[in-house]
């Protein structure tokens, strides 16, 4: 289940990165799915402050440390 991991990332990244959760069955999620052309869930996409994609994983949850490393590189 993705929720516990994302909850932890949200706490750990507070003040450094914003975690946004979207459901592809809802309008905002469907819009994001089309914009980023995701084909699988879950999709984890890291954007820098300019909106440039810096990390992407689809279809399975990546390791927590991979996401944290990507955040550090994008900072």
Protein backbone atom coordinates (compact mmCIF):
# COMPACT_ATOMS: atom_id res chain seq x y z
CA UNK A 1 0.00 0.00 0.00
CA UNK A 2 1.36 3.40 -1.02
CA UNK A 3 -0.28 5.48 1.67
CA UNK A 4 2.05 4.67 4.62
CA UNK A 5 5.15 5.35 2.53
CA UNK A 6 3.79 8.59 1.11
CA UNK A 7 2.66 9.66 4.60
CA UNK A 8 6.24 9.16 5.82
CA UNK A 9 7.72 11.07 2.89
CA UNK A 10 5.30 13.90 3.47
CA UNK A 11 6.45 14.20 7.09
CA UNK A 12 10.13 13.81 6.25
CA UNK A 13 10.09 16.31 3.40
CA UNK A 14 8.02 18.96 5.18
CA UNK A 15 9.54 22.36 4.45
CA UNK A 16 11.75 21.01 1.62
CA UNK A 17 9.25 19.59 -0.86
CA UNK A 18 5.51 19.57 -1.31
CA UNK A 19 3.81 16.19 -1.63
CA UNK A 20 0.66 16.28 -3.77
CA UNK A 21 -1.61 13.24 -3.91
CA UNK A 22 -3.98 12.89 -6.81
CA UNK A 23 -6.56 10.27 -7.71
CA UNK A 24 -6.77 9.62 -11.46
CA UNK A 25 -10.51 8.99 -11.07
CA UNK A 26 -11.01 12.64 -10.07
CA UNK A 27 -10.75 15.63 -12.45
CA UNK A 28 -7.46 17.03 -11.05
CA UNK A 29 -5.88 13.58 -11.14
CA UNK A 30 -7.08 12.92 -14.67
CA UNK A 31 -5.64 16.28 -15.75
CA UNK A 32 -2.27 15.46 -14.18
CA UNK A 33 -2.32 12.00 -15.75
CA UNK A 34 -2.81 13.55 -19.18
CA UNK A 35 -0.23 16.30 -18.61
CA UNK A 36 2.49 13.91 -17.45
CA UNK A 37 1.35 11.05 -19.73
CA UNK A 38 1.33 8.46 -16.97
CA UNK A 39 0.08 5.01 -17.90
CA UNK A 40 0.42 3.18 -14.59
CA UNK A 41 -0.38 3.75 -10.96
CA UNK A 42 1.11 4.60 -8.66
CA UNK A 43 3.08 7.29 -10.41
CA UNK A 44 5.66 9.28 -8.45
CA UNK A 45 6.86 12.39 -10.30
CA UNK A 46 9.30 14.89 -8.83
CA UNK A 47 9.33 18.38 -10.29
CA UNK A 48 11.85 21.06 -9.41
CA UNK A 49 10.87 24.65 -8.57
CA UNK A 50 10.68 25.47 -12.29
CA UNK A 51 8.33 22.56 -13.04
CA UNK A 52 11.03 20.49 -14.75
CA UNK A 53 10.68 16.75 -14.17
CA UNK A 54 13.63 15.44 -12.14
CA UNK A 55 12.43 11.95 -11.18
CA UNK A 56 9.73 9.55 -12.31
CA UNK A 57 8.59 6.07 -11.31
CA UNK A 58 5.43 4.34 -12.51
CA UNK A 59 3.72 1.05 -11.76
CA UNK A 60 5.40 0.29 -8.46
CA UNK A 61 6.57 2.25 -5.50
CA UNK A 62 10.24 3.13 -5.66
CA UNK A 63 12.44 2.80 -2.62
CA UNK A 64 12.10 5.66 -0.19
CA UNK A 65 15.79 6.43 -0.43
CA UNK A 66 15.56 6.84 -4.23
CA UNK A 67 12.92 9.53 -3.80
CA UNK A 68 14.89 11.28 -1.05
CA UNK A 69 18.05 11.23 -3.19
CA UNK A 70 16.13 12.73 -6.12
CA UNK A 71 14.82 15.51 -3.87
CA UNK A 72 18.36 16.27 -2.72
CA UNK A 73 19.64 16.39 -6.31
CA UNK A 74 16.81 18.68 -7.40
CA UNK A 75 17.44 21.11 -4.53
